[in-house]
Every structure is written in structure tokens, then in C-alpha cells.
mmCIF file of all heavy atoms, coordinates in Angstrom:
data_MODEL
# 
_entry.id   MODEL 
# 
loop_
_atom_site.group_PDB 
_atom_site.id 
_atom_site.type_symbol 
_atom_site.label_atom_id 
_atom_site.label_alt_id 
_atom_site.label_comp_id 
_atom_site.label_asym_id 
_atom_site.label_entity_id 
_atom_site.label_seq_id 
_atom_site.pdbx_PDB_ins_code 
_atom_site.Cartn_x 
_atom_site.Cartn_y 
_atom_site.Cartn_z 
_atom_site.occupancy 
_atom_site.B_iso_or_equiv 
_atom_site.pdbx_formal_charge 
_atom_site.auth_seq_id 
_atom_site.auth_comp_id 
_atom_site.auth_asym_id 
_atom_site.auth_atom_id 
_atom_site.pdbx_PDB_model_num 
ATOM 1   N N   . THR A 1 1  ? 1.122   2.775  9.534   1.00 0.00 ? 1  THR A N   1 
ATOM 2   C CA  . THR A 1 1  ? 2.321   3.287  10.198  1.00 0.00 ? 1  THR A CA  1 
ATOM 3   C C   . THR A 1 1  ? 2.416   4.802  10.113  1.00 0.00 ? 1  THR A C   1 
ATOM 4   O O   . THR A 1 1  ? 2.765   5.474  11.089  1.00 0.00 ? 1  THR A O   1 
ATOM 5   C CB  . THR A 1 1  ? 3.583   2.657  9.583   1.00 0.00 ? 1  THR A CB  1 
ATOM 6   O OG1 . THR A 1 1  ? 3.447   1.241  9.589   1.00 0.00 ? 1  THR A OG1 1 
ATOM 7   C CG2 . THR A 1 1  ? 4.832   3.061  10.350  1.00 0.00 ? 1  THR A CG2 1 
ATOM 8   N N   . TYR A 1 2  ? 2.117   5.352  8.935   1.00 0.00 ? 2  TYR A N   1 
ATOM 9   C CA  . TYR A 1 2  ? 2.309   6.786  8.732   1.00 0.00 ? 2  TYR A CA  1 
ATOM 10  C C   . TYR A 1 2  ? 0.995   7.553  8.683   1.00 0.00 ? 2  TYR A C   1 
ATOM 11  O O   . TYR A 1 2  ? 0.980   8.723  8.275   1.00 0.00 ? 2  TYR A O   1 
ATOM 12  C CB  . TYR A 1 2  ? 3.125   7.019  7.451   1.00 0.00 ? 2  TYR A CB  1 
ATOM 13  C CG  . TYR A 1 2  ? 4.493   6.404  7.552   1.00 0.00 ? 2  TYR A CG  1 
ATOM 14  C CD1 . TYR A 1 2  ? 4.833   5.279  6.795   1.00 0.00 ? 2  TYR A CD1 1 
ATOM 15  C CD2 . TYR A 1 2  ? 5.440   6.905  8.435   1.00 0.00 ? 2  TYR A CD2 1 
ATOM 16  C CE1 . TYR A 1 2  ? 6.087   4.683  6.911   1.00 0.00 ? 2  TYR A CE1 1 
ATOM 17  C CE2 . TYR A 1 2  ? 6.686   6.327  8.562   1.00 0.00 ? 2  TYR A CE2 1 
ATOM 18  C CZ  . TYR A 1 2  ? 7.001   5.222  7.797   1.00 0.00 ? 2  TYR A CZ  1 
ATOM 19  O OH  . TYR A 1 2  ? 8.236   4.634  7.914   1.00 0.00 ? 2  TYR A OH  1 
ATOM 20  N N   . SER A 1 3  ? -0.099  6.897  9.071   1.00 0.00 ? 3  SER A N   1 
ATOM 21  C CA  . SER A 1 3  ? -1.414  7.562  9.155   1.00 0.00 ? 3  SER A CA  1 
ATOM 22  C C   . SER A 1 3  ? -1.749  8.298  7.862   1.00 0.00 ? 3  SER A C   1 
ATOM 23  O O   . SER A 1 3  ? -2.133  9.485  7.869   1.00 0.00 ? 3  SER A O   1 
ATOM 24  C CB  . SER A 1 3  ? -1.440  8.538  10.340  1.00 0.00 ? 3  SER A CB  1 
ATOM 25  O OG  . SER A 1 3  ? -1.181  7.874  11.550  1.00 0.00 ? 3  SER A OG  1 
ATOM 26  N N   . GLU A 1 4  ? -1.595  7.605  6.755   1.00 0.00 ? 4  GLU A N   1 
ATOM 27  C CA  . GLU A 1 4  ? -1.902  8.180  5.448   1.00 0.00 ? 4  GLU A CA  1 
ATOM 28  C C   . GLU A 1 4  ? -2.987  7.354  4.769   1.00 0.00 ? 4  GLU A C   1 
ATOM 29  O O   . GLU A 1 4  ? -3.062  6.142  4.942   1.00 0.00 ? 4  GLU A O   1 
ATOM 30  C CB  . GLU A 1 4  ? -0.666  8.219  4.549   1.00 0.00 ? 4  GLU A CB  1 
ATOM 31  C CG  . GLU A 1 4  ? 0.412   9.176  5.022   1.00 0.00 ? 4  GLU A CG  1 
ATOM 32  C CD  . GLU A 1 4  ? 1.521   9.328  3.987   1.00 0.00 ? 4  GLU A CD  1 
ATOM 33  O OE1 . GLU A 1 4  ? 1.228   9.781  2.862   1.00 0.00 ? 4  GLU A OE1 1 
ATOM 34  O OE2 . GLU A 1 4  ? 2.665   8.971  4.300   1.00 0.00 ? 4  GLU A OE2 1 
ATOM 35  N N   . ASP A 1 5  ? -3.804  8.033  3.974   1.00 0.00 ? 5  ASP A N   1 
ATOM 36  C CA  . ASP A 1 5  ? -4.853  7.366  3.212   1.00 0.00 ? 5  ASP A CA  1 
ATOM 37  C C   . ASP A 1 5  ? -5.077  8.208  1.961   1.00 0.00 ? 5  ASP A C   1 
ATOM 38  O O   . ASP A 1 5  ? -5.595  9.319  2.043   1.00 0.00 ? 5  ASP A O   1 
ATOM 39  C CB  . ASP A 1 5  ? -6.129  7.267  4.052   1.00 0.00 ? 5  ASP A CB  1 
ATOM 40  C CG  . ASP A 1 5  ? -7.152  6.298  3.455   1.00 0.00 ? 5  ASP A CG  1 
ATOM 41  O OD1 . ASP A 1 5  ? -7.108  6.085  2.225   1.00 0.00 ? 5  ASP A OD1 1 
ATOM 42  O OD2 . ASP A 1 5  ? -7.986  5.779  4.209   1.00 0.00 ? 5  ASP A OD2 1 
ATOM 43  N N   . PHE A 1 6  ? -4.633  7.700  0.808   1.00 0.00 ? 6  PHE A N   1 
ATOM 44  C CA  . PHE A 1 6  ? -4.754  8.510  -0.412  1.00 0.00 ? 6  PHE A CA  1 
ATOM 45  C C   . PHE A 1 6  ? -5.057  7.628  -1.620  1.00 0.00 ? 6  PHE A C   1 
ATOM 46  O O   . PHE A 1 6  ? -4.879  6.401  -1.581  1.00 0.00 ? 6  PHE A O   1 
ATOM 47  C CB  . PHE A 1 6  ? -3.489  9.336  -0.664  1.00 0.00 ? 6  PHE A CB  1 
ATOM 48  C CG  . PHE A 1 6  ? -2.232  8.527  -0.851  1.00 0.00 ? 6  PHE A CG  1 
ATOM 49  C CD1 . PHE A 1 6  ? -1.891  7.988  -2.087  1.00 0.00 ? 6  PHE A CD1 1 
ATOM 50  C CD2 . PHE A 1 6  ? -1.356  8.322  0.215   1.00 0.00 ? 6  PHE A CD2 1 
ATOM 51  C CE1 . PHE A 1 6  ? -0.726  7.257  -2.259  1.00 0.00 ? 6  PHE A CE1 1 
ATOM 52  C CE2 . PHE A 1 6  ? -0.178  7.592  0.053   1.00 0.00 ? 6  PHE A CE2 1 
ATOM 53  C CZ  . PHE A 1 6  ? 0.132   7.057  -1.187  1.00 0.00 ? 6  PHE A CZ  1 
ATOM 54  N N   . THR A 1 7  ? -5.517  8.275  -2.673  1.00 0.00 ? 7  THR A N   1 
ATOM 55  C CA  . THR A 1 7  ? -5.872  7.583  -3.910  1.00 0.00 ? 7  THR A CA  1 
ATOM 56  C C   . THR A 1 7  ? -5.178  8.262  -5.082  1.00 0.00 ? 7  THR A C   1 
ATOM 57  O O   . THR A 1 7  ? -5.118  9.502  -5.150  1.00 0.00 ? 7  THR A O   1 
ATOM 58  C CB  . THR A 1 7  ? -7.391  7.611  -4.126  1.00 0.00 ? 7  THR A CB  1 
ATOM 59  O OG1 . THR A 1 7  ? -8.040  6.910  -3.065  1.00 0.00 ? 7  THR A OG1 1 
ATOM 60  C CG2 . THR A 1 7  ? -7.767  6.963  -5.460  1.00 0.00 ? 7  THR A CG2 1 
ATOM 61  N N   . ILE A 1 8  ? -4.645  7.467  -5.989  1.00 0.00 ? 8  ILE A N   1 
ATOM 62  C CA  . ILE A 1 8  ? -4.067  7.981  -7.232  1.00 0.00 ? 8  ILE A CA  1 
ATOM 63  C C   . ILE A 1 8  ? -4.919  7.469  -8.386  1.00 0.00 ? 8  ILE A C   1 
ATOM 64  O O   . ILE A 1 8  ? -5.042  6.256  -8.586  1.00 0.00 ? 8  ILE A O   1 
ATOM 65  C CB  . ILE A 1 8  ? -2.603  7.524  -7.402  1.00 0.00 ? 8  ILE A CB  1 
ATOM 66  C CG1 . ILE A 1 8  ? -1.732  8.077  -6.270  1.00 0.00 ? 8  ILE A CG1 1 
ATOM 67  C CG2 . ILE A 1 8  ? -2.069  7.970  -8.767  1.00 0.00 ? 8  ILE A CG2 1 
ATOM 68  C CD1 . ILE A 1 8  ? -0.297  7.607  -6.321  1.00 0.00 ? 8  ILE A CD1 1 
ATOM 69  N N   . ASP A 1 9  ? -5.528  8.398  -9.113  1.00 0.00 ? 9  ASP A N   1 
ATOM 70  C CA  . ASP A 1 9  ? -6.333  8.053  -10.283 1.00 0.00 ? 9  ASP A CA  1 
ATOM 71  C C   . ASP A 1 9  ? -5.386  7.881  -11.470 1.00 0.00 ? 9  ASP A C   1 
ATOM 72  O O   . ASP A 1 9  ? -4.740  8.845  -11.904 1.00 0.00 ? 9  ASP A O   1 
ATOM 73  C CB  . ASP A 1 9  ? -7.352  9.163  -10.555 1.00 0.00 ? 9  ASP A CB  1 
ATOM 74  C CG  . ASP A 1 9  ? -8.336  8.793  -11.656 1.00 0.00 ? 9  ASP A CG  1 
ATOM 75  O OD1 . ASP A 1 9  ? -7.996  7.948  -12.504 1.00 0.00 ? 9  ASP A OD1 1 
ATOM 76  O OD2 . ASP A 1 9  ? -9.442  9.356  -11.663 1.00 0.00 ? 9  ASP A OD2 1 
ATOM 77  N N   . LEU A 1 10 ? -5.279  6.676  -11.991 1.00 0.00 ? 10 LEU A N   1 
ATOM 78  C CA  . LEU A 1 10 ? -4.308  6.386  -13.049 1.00 0.00 ? 10 LEU A CA  1 
ATOM 79  C C   . LEU A 1 10 ? -4.665  7.054  -14.370 1.00 0.00 ? 10 LEU A C   1 
ATOM 80  O O   . LEU A 1 10 ? -3.814  7.168  -15.253 1.00 0.00 ? 10 LEU A O   1 
ATOM 81  C CB  . LEU A 1 10 ? -4.177  4.877  -13.242 1.00 0.00 ? 10 LEU A CB  1 
ATOM 82  C CG  . LEU A 1 10 ? -3.664  4.105  -12.016 1.00 0.00 ? 10 LEU A CG  1 
ATOM 83  C CD1 . LEU A 1 10 ? -3.583  2.618  -12.315 1.00 0.00 ? 10 LEU A CD1 1 
ATOM 84  C CD2 . LEU A 1 10 ? -2.308  4.628  -11.561 1.00 0.00 ? 10 LEU A CD2 1 
ATOM 85  N N   . THR A 1 11 ? -5.911  7.504  -14.526 1.00 0.00 ? 11 THR A N   1 
ATOM 86  C CA  . THR A 1 11 ? -6.302  8.153  -15.779 1.00 0.00 ? 11 THR A CA  1 
ATOM 87  C C   . THR A 1 11 ? -5.872  9.620  -15.828 1.00 0.00 ? 11 THR A C   1 
ATOM 88  O O   . THR A 1 11 ? -5.791  10.213 -16.904 1.00 0.00 ? 11 THR A O   1 
ATOM 89  C CB  . THR A 1 11 ? -7.832  8.089  -15.976 1.00 0.00 ? 11 THR A CB  1 
ATOM 90  O OG1 . THR A 1 11 ? -8.475  8.800  -14.910 1.00 0.00 ? 11 THR A OG1 1 
ATOM 91  C CG2 . THR A 1 11 ? -8.299  6.645  -15.984 1.00 0.00 ? 11 THR A CG2 1 
ATOM 92  N N   . ARG A 1 12 ? -5.575  10.189 -14.662 1.00 0.00 ? 12 ARG A N   1 
ATOM 93  C CA  . ARG A 1 12 ? -5.148  11.600 -14.639 1.00 0.00 ? 12 ARG A CA  1 
ATOM 94  C C   . ARG A 1 12 ? -4.228  11.858 -13.445 1.00 0.00 ? 12 ARG A C   1 
ATOM 95  O O   . ARG A 1 12 ? -4.405  12.818 -12.703 1.00 0.00 ? 12 ARG A O   1 
ATOM 96  C CB  . ARG A 1 12 ? -6.364  12.529 -14.591 1.00 0.00 ? 12 ARG A CB  1 
ATOM 97  C CG  . ARG A 1 12 ? -7.359  12.222 -13.489 1.00 0.00 ? 12 ARG A CG  1 
ATOM 98  C CD  . ARG A 1 12 ? -8.576  13.149 -13.564 1.00 0.00 ? 12 ARG A CD  1 
ATOM 99  N NE  . ARG A 1 12 ? -9.547  12.868 -12.511 1.00 0.00 ? 12 ARG A NE  1 
ATOM 100 C CZ  . ARG A 1 12 ? -9.490  13.366 -11.290 1.00 0.00 ? 12 ARG A CZ  1 
ATOM 101 N NH1 . ARG A 1 12 ? -8.508  14.175 -10.951 1.00 0.00 ? 12 ARG A NH1 1 
ATOM 102 N NH2 . ARG A 1 12 ? -10.417 13.061 -10.398 1.00 0.00 ? 12 ARG A NH2 1 
ATOM 103 N N   . ARG A 1 13 ? -3.282  10.990 -13.301 1.00 0.00 ? 13 ARG A N   1 
ATOM 104 C CA  . ARG A 1 13 ? -2.378  11.146 -12.156 1.00 0.00 ? 13 ARG A CA  1 
ATOM 105 C C   . ARG A 1 13 ? -1.481  12.366 -12.353 1.00 0.00 ? 13 ARG A C   1 
ATOM 106 O O   . ARG A 1 13 ? -1.053  12.680 -13.460 1.00 0.00 ? 13 ARG A O   1 
ATOM 107 C CB  . ARG A 1 13 ? -1.552  9.876  -11.938 1.00 0.00 ? 13 ARG A CB  1 
ATOM 108 C CG  . ARG A 1 13 ? -0.552  9.530  -13.010 1.00 0.00 ? 13 ARG A CG  1 
ATOM 109 C CD  . ARG A 1 13 ? 0.119   8.204  -12.629 1.00 0.00 ? 13 ARG A CD  1 
ATOM 110 N NE  . ARG A 1 13 ? 1.260   7.887  -13.442 1.00 0.00 ? 13 ARG A NE  1 
ATOM 111 C CZ  . ARG A 1 13 ? 1.205   7.150  -14.549 1.00 0.00 ? 13 ARG A CZ  1 
ATOM 112 N NH1 . ARG A 1 13 ? 0.047   6.677  -14.966 1.00 0.00 ? 13 ARG A NH1 1 
ATOM 113 N NH2 . ARG A 1 13 ? 2.306   6.897  -15.231 1.00 0.00 ? 13 ARG A NH2 1 
ATOM 114 N N   . GLU A 1 14 ? -1.195  13.020 -11.256 1.00 0.00 ? 14 GLU A N   1 
ATOM 115 C CA  . GLU A 1 14 ? -0.423  14.249 -11.314 1.00 0.00 ? 14 GLU A CA  1 
ATOM 116 C C   . GLU A 1 14 ? 0.337   14.445 -10.010 1.00 0.00 ? 14 GLU A C   1 
ATOM 117 O O   . GLU A 1 14 ? -0.016  13.886 -8.971  1.00 0.00 ? 14 GLU A O   1 
ATOM 118 C CB  . GLU A 1 14 ? -1.364  15.440 -11.539 1.00 0.00 ? 14 GLU A CB  1 
ATOM 119 C CG  . GLU A 1 14 ? -2.453  15.554 -10.472 1.00 0.00 ? 14 GLU A CG  1 
ATOM 120 C CD  . GLU A 1 14 ? -3.503  16.583 -10.805 1.00 0.00 ? 14 GLU A CD  1 
ATOM 121 O OE1 . GLU A 1 14 ? -3.406  17.201 -11.870 1.00 0.00 ? 14 GLU A OE1 1 
ATOM 122 O OE2 . GLU A 1 14 ? -4.411  16.761 -9.977  1.00 0.00 ? 14 GLU A OE2 1 
ATOM 123 N N   . ASP A 1 15 ? 1.397   15.218 -10.113 1.00 0.00 ? 15 ASP A N   1 
ATOM 124 C CA  . ASP A 1 15 ? 2.120   15.592 -8.906  1.00 0.00 ? 15 ASP A CA  1 
ATOM 125 C C   . ASP A 1 15 ? 1.290   16.595 -8.115  1.00 0.00 ? 15 ASP A C   1 
ATOM 126 O O   . ASP A 1 15 ? 0.652   17.485 -8.684  1.00 0.00 ? 15 ASP A O   1 
ATOM 127 C CB  . ASP A 1 15 ? 3.475   16.217 -9.250  1.00 0.00 ? 15 ASP A CB  1 
ATOM 128 C CG  . ASP A 1 15 ? 4.453   15.189 -9.799  1.00 0.00 ? 15 ASP A CG  1 
ATOM 129 O OD1 . ASP A 1 15 ? 4.393   14.031 -9.354  1.00 0.00 ? 15 ASP A OD1 1 
ATOM 130 O OD2 . ASP A 1 15 ? 5.245   15.542 -10.686 1.00 0.00 ? 15 ASP A OD2 1 
ATOM 131 N N   . ILE A 1 16 ? 1.269   16.420 -6.810  1.00 0.00 ? 16 ILE A N   1 
ATOM 132 C CA  . ILE A 1 16 ? 0.518   17.308 -5.933  1.00 0.00 ? 16 ILE A CA  1 
ATOM 133 C C   . ILE A 1 16 ? 1.494   18.137 -5.110  1.00 0.00 ? 16 ILE A C   1 
ATOM 134 O O   . ILE A 1 16 ? 2.433   17.590 -4.517  1.00 0.00 ? 16 ILE A O   1 
ATOM 135 C CB  . ILE A 1 16 ? -0.419  16.512 -5.008  1.00 0.00 ? 16 ILE A CB  1 
ATOM 136 C CG1 . ILE A 1 16 ? -1.453  15.745 -5.847  1.00 0.00 ? 16 ILE A CG1 1 
ATOM 137 C CG2 . ILE A 1 16 ? -1.100  17.424 -4.016  1.00 0.00 ? 16 ILE A CG2 1 
ATOM 138 C CD1 . ILE A 1 16 ? -2.357  14.869 -5.009  1.00 0.00 ? 16 ILE A CD1 1 
ATOM 139 N N   . LYS A 1 17 ? 1.263   19.428 -5.061  1.00 0.00 ? 17 LYS A N   1 
ATOM 140 C CA  . LYS A 1 17 ? 2.124   20.313 -4.275  1.00 0.00 ? 17 LYS A CA  1 
ATOM 141 C C   . LYS A 1 17 ? 2.048   19.926 -2.797  1.00 0.00 ? 17 LYS A C   1 
ATOM 142 O O   . LYS A 1 17 ? 0.971   19.684 -2.261  1.00 0.00 ? 17 LYS A O   1 
ATOM 143 C CB  . LYS A 1 17 ? 1.689   21.766 -4.460  1.00 0.00 ? 17 LYS A CB  1 
ATOM 144 C CG  . LYS A 1 17 ? 2.645   22.771 -3.835  1.00 0.00 ? 17 LYS A CG  1 
ATOM 145 C CD  . LYS A 1 17 ? 2.204   24.198 -4.133  1.00 0.00 ? 17 LYS A CD  1 
ATOM 146 C CE  . LYS A 1 17 ? 3.176   25.203 -3.531  1.00 0.00 ? 17 LYS A CE  1 
ATOM 147 N NZ  . LYS A 1 17 ? 2.764   26.610 -3.809  1.00 0.00 ? 17 LYS A NZ  1 
ATOM 148 N N   . ASN A 1 18 ? 3.222   19.830 -2.170  1.00 0.00 ? 18 ASN A N   1 
ATOM 149 C CA  . ASN A 1 18 ? 3.334   19.469 -0.750  1.00 0.00 ? 18 ASN A CA  1 
ATOM 150 C C   . ASN A 1 18 ? 2.795   18.076 -0.445  1.00 0.00 ? 18 ASN A C   1 
ATOM 151 O O   . ASN A 1 18 ? 2.329   17.797 0.667   1.00 0.00 ? 18 ASN A O   1 
ATOM 152 C CB  . ASN A 1 18 ? 2.617   20.498 0.134   1.00 0.00 ? 18 ASN A CB  1 
ATOM 153 C CG  . ASN A 1 18 ? 3.206   21.890 -0.004  1.00 0.00 ? 18 ASN A CG  1 
ATOM 154 O OD1 . ASN A 1 18 ? 4.417   22.046 -0.104  1.00 0.00 ? 18 ASN A OD1 1 
ATOM 155 N ND2 . ASN A 1 18 ? 2.341   22.897 -0.003  1.00 0.00 ? 18 ASN A ND2 1 
ATOM 156 N N   . ALA A 1 19 ? 2.848   17.187 -1.450  1.00 0.00 ? 19 ALA A N   1 
ATOM 157 C CA  . ALA A 1 19 ? 2.415   15.801 -1.237  1.00 0.00 ? 19 ALA A CA  1 
ATOM 158 C C   . ALA A 1 19 ? 3.374   15.102 -0.287  1.00 0.00 ? 19 ALA A C   1 
ATOM 159 O O   . ALA A 1 19 ? 4.552   15.475 -0.149  1.00 0.00 ? 19 ALA A O   1 
ATOM 160 C CB  . ALA A 1 19 ? 2.369   15.060 -2.564  1.00 0.00 ? 19 ALA A CB  1 
ATOM 161 N N   . SER A 1 20 ? 2.879   14.069 0.379   1.00 0.00 ? 20 SER A N   1 
ATOM 162 C CA  . SER A 1 20 ? 3.735   13.308 1.291   1.00 0.00 ? 20 SER A CA  1 
ATOM 163 C C   . SER A 1 20 ? 4.799   12.559 0.509   1.00 0.00 ? 20 SER A C   1 
ATOM 164 O O   . SER A 1 20 ? 4.674   12.316 -0.697  1.00 0.00 ? 20 SER A O   1 
ATOM 165 C CB  . SER A 1 20 ? 2.891   12.302 2.083   1.00 0.00 ? 20 SER A CB  1 
ATOM 166 O OG  . SER A 1 20 ? 2.442   11.250 1.234   1.00 0.00 ? 20 SER A OG  1 
ATOM 167 N N   . GLY A 1 21 ? 5.855   12.170 1.216   1.00 0.00 ? 21 GLY A N   1 
ATOM 168 C CA  . GLY A 1 21 ? 6.898   11.381 0.576   1.00 0.00 ? 21 GLY A CA  1 
ATOM 169 C C   . GLY A 1 21 ? 6.370   10.056 0.048   1.00 0.00 ? 21 GLY A C   1 
ATOM 170 O O   . GLY A 1 21 ? 6.824   9.560  -0.989  1.00 0.00 ? 21 GLY A O   1 
ATOM 171 N N   . THR A 1 22 ? 5.408   9.468  0.765   1.00 0.00 ? 22 THR A N   1 
ATOM 172 C CA  . THR A 1 22 ? 4.818   8.199  0.334   1.00 0.00 ? 22 THR A CA  1 
ATOM 173 C C   . THR A 1 22 ? 4.101   8.364  -0.998  1.00 0.00 ? 22 THR A C   1 
ATOM 174 O O   . THR A 1 22 ? 4.292   7.573  -1.934  1.00 0.00 ? 22 THR A O   1 
ATOM 175 C CB  . THR A 1 22 ? 3.826   7.675  1.393   1.00 0.00 ? 22 THR A CB  1 
ATOM 176 O OG1 . THR A 1 22 ? 4.470   7.623  2.653   1.00 0.00 ? 22 THR A OG1 1 
ATOM 177 C CG2 . THR A 1 22 ? 3.313   6.301  1.025   1.00 0.00 ? 22 THR A CG2 1 
ATOM 178 N N   . TYR A 1 23 ? 3.264   9.392  -1.100  1.00 0.00 ? 23 TYR A N   1 
ATOM 179 C CA  . TYR A 1 23 ? 2.548   9.661  -2.346  1.00 0.00 ? 23 TYR A CA  1 
ATOM 180 C C   . TYR A 1 23 ? 3.535   9.869  -3.493  1.00 0.00 ? 23 TYR A C   1 
ATOM 181 O O   . TYR A 1 23 ? 3.382   9.299  -4.583  1.00 0.00 ? 23 TYR A O   1 
ATOM 182 C CB  . TYR A 1 23 ? 1.666   10.900 -2.174  1.00 0.00 ? 23 TYR A CB  1 
ATOM 183 C CG  . TYR A 1 23 ? 0.866   11.267 -3.405  1.00 0.00 ? 23 TYR A CG  1 
ATOM 184 C CD1 . TYR A 1 23 ? -0.453  10.850 -3.545  1.00 0.00 ? 23 TYR A CD1 1 
ATOM 185 C CD2 . TYR A 1 23 ? 1.422   12.048 -4.415  1.00 0.00 ? 23 TYR A CD2 1 
ATOM 186 C CE1 . TYR A 1 23 ? -1.196  11.186 -4.671  1.00 0.00 ? 23 TYR A CE1 1 
ATOM 187 C CE2 . TYR A 1 23 ? 0.692   12.388 -5.548  1.00 0.00 ? 23 TYR A CE2 1 
ATOM 188 C CZ  . TYR A 1 23 ? -0.618  11.966 -5.676  1.00 0.00 ? 23 TYR A CZ  1 
ATOM 189 O OH  . TYR A 1 23 ? -1.335  12.296 -6.789  1.00 0.00 ? 23 TYR A OH  1 
ATOM 190 N N   . SER A 1 24 ? 4.568   10.683 -3.247  1.00 0.00 ? 24 SER A N   1 
ATOM 191 C CA  . SER A 1 24 ? 5.530   11.012 -4.298  1.00 0.00 ? 24 SER A CA  1 
ATOM 192 C C   . SER A 1 24 ? 6.272   9.776  -4.786  1.00 0.00 ? 24 SER A C   1 
ATOM 193 O O   . SER A 1 24 ? 6.509   9.613  -5.993  1.00 0.00 ? 24 SER A O   1 
ATOM 194 C CB  . SER A 1 24 ? 6.527   12.057 -3.790  1.00 0.00 ? 24 SER A CB  1 
ATOM 195 O OG  . SER A 1 24 ? 5.876   13.262 -3.457  1.00 0.00 ? 24 SER A OG  1 
ATOM 196 N N   . ILE A 1 25 ? 6.642   8.893  -3.854  1.00 0.00 ? 25 ILE A N   1 
ATOM 197 C CA  . ILE A 1 25 ? 7.406   7.723  -4.263  1.00 0.00 ? 25 ILE A CA  1 
ATOM 198 C C   . ILE A 1 25 ? 6.536   6.750  -5.052  1.00 0.00 ? 25 ILE A C   1 
ATOM 199 O O   . ILE A 1 25 ? 6.995   6.110  -6.006  1.00 0.00 ? 25 ILE A O   1 
ATOM 200 C CB  . ILE A 1 25 ? 8.072   7.027  -3.051  1.00 0.00 ? 25 ILE A CB  1 
ATOM 201 C CG1 . ILE A 1 25 ? 9.398   6.373  -3.481  1.00 0.00 ? 25 ILE A CG1 1 
ATOM 202 C CG2 . ILE A 1 25 ? 7.185   5.978  -2.412  1.00 0.00 ? 25 ILE A CG2 1 
ATOM 203 C CD1 . ILE A 1 25 ? 10.489  7.341  -3.812  1.00 0.00 ? 25 ILE A CD1 1 
ATOM 204 N N   . VAL A 1 26 ? 5.240   6.642  -4.704  1.00 0.00 ? 26 VAL A N   1 
ATOM 205 C CA  . VAL A 1 26 ? 4.339   5.802  -5.496  1.00 0.00 ? 26 VAL A CA  1 
ATOM 206 C C   . VAL A 1 26 ? 4.192   6.373  -6.905  1.00 0.00 ? 26 VAL A C   1 
ATOM 207 O O   . VAL A 1 26 ? 4.208   5.632  -7.896  1.00 0.00 ? 26 VAL A O   1 
ATOM 208 C CB  . VAL A 1 26 ? 2.959   5.661  -4.813  1.00 0.00 ? 26 VAL A CB  1 
ATOM 209 C CG1 . VAL A 1 26 ? 2.000   4.888  -5.717  1.00 0.00 ? 26 VAL A CG1 1 
ATOM 210 C CG2 . VAL A 1 26 ? 3.105   4.932  -3.478  1.00 0.00 ? 26 VAL A CG2 1 
ATOM 211 N N   . ARG A 1 27 ? 4.074   7.690  -6.991  1.00 0.00 ? 27 ARG A N   1 
ATOM 212 C CA  . ARG A 1 27 ? 4.021   8.333  -8.320  1.00 0.00 ? 27 ARG A CA  1 
ATOM 213 C C   . ARG A 1 27 ? 5.277   8.002  -9.116  1.00 0.00 ? 27 ARG A C   1 
ATOM 214 O O   . ARG A 1 27 ? 5.197   7.699  -10.327 1.00 0.00 ? 27 ARG A O   1 
ATOM 215 C CB  . ARG A 1 27 ? 3.897   9.859  -8.151  1.00 0.00 ? 27 ARG A CB  1 
ATOM 216 C CG  . ARG A 1 27 ? 2.518   10.332 -7.803  1.00 0.00 ? 27 ARG A CG  1 
ATOM 217 C CD  . ARG A 1 27 ? 1.625   10.423 -9.053  1.00 0.00 ? 27 ARG A CD  1 
ATOM 218 N NE  . ARG A 1 27 ? 2.088   11.494 -9.935  1.00 0.00 ? 27 ARG A NE  1 
ATOM 219 C CZ  . ARG A 1 27 ? 2.720   11.301 -11.089 1.00 0.00 ? 27 ARG A CZ  1 
ATOM 220 N NH1 . ARG A 1 27 ? 2.970   10.083 -11.512 1.00 0.00 ? 27 ARG A NH1 1 
ATOM 221 N NH2 . ARG A 1 27 ? 3.106   12.326 -11.829 1.00 0.00 ? 27 ARG A NH2 1 
ATOM 222 N N   . GLY A 1 28 ? 6.415   8.049  -8.479  1.00 0.00 ? 28 GLY A N   1 
ATOM 223 C CA  . GLY A 1 28 ? 7.658   7.729  -9.174  1.00 0.00 ? 28 GLY A CA  1 
ATOM 224 C C   . GLY A 1 28 ? 7.712   6.283  -9.627  1.00 0.00 ? 28 GLY A C   1 
ATOM 225 O O   . GLY A 1 28 ? 8.224   5.979  -10.720 1.00 0.00 ? 28 GLY A O   1 
# 
């Protein structure tokens, strides 16, 4: 739907500057 494709490495996950709302909410 939102044309996004990303990976979060659980061993070193971090906030990314200017990350999409989808990425940020998964991090949360």
C-alpha cells in the first residue's frame, strides 16, 4: 500500500533520521 520495504535488525535497532511513519511505529 505504501510502497515501503525495510528491515529492522533486532540486534542493533535504532531510530533513523527522517524514517517513515511505518518504520517509526514498528520501532515503537
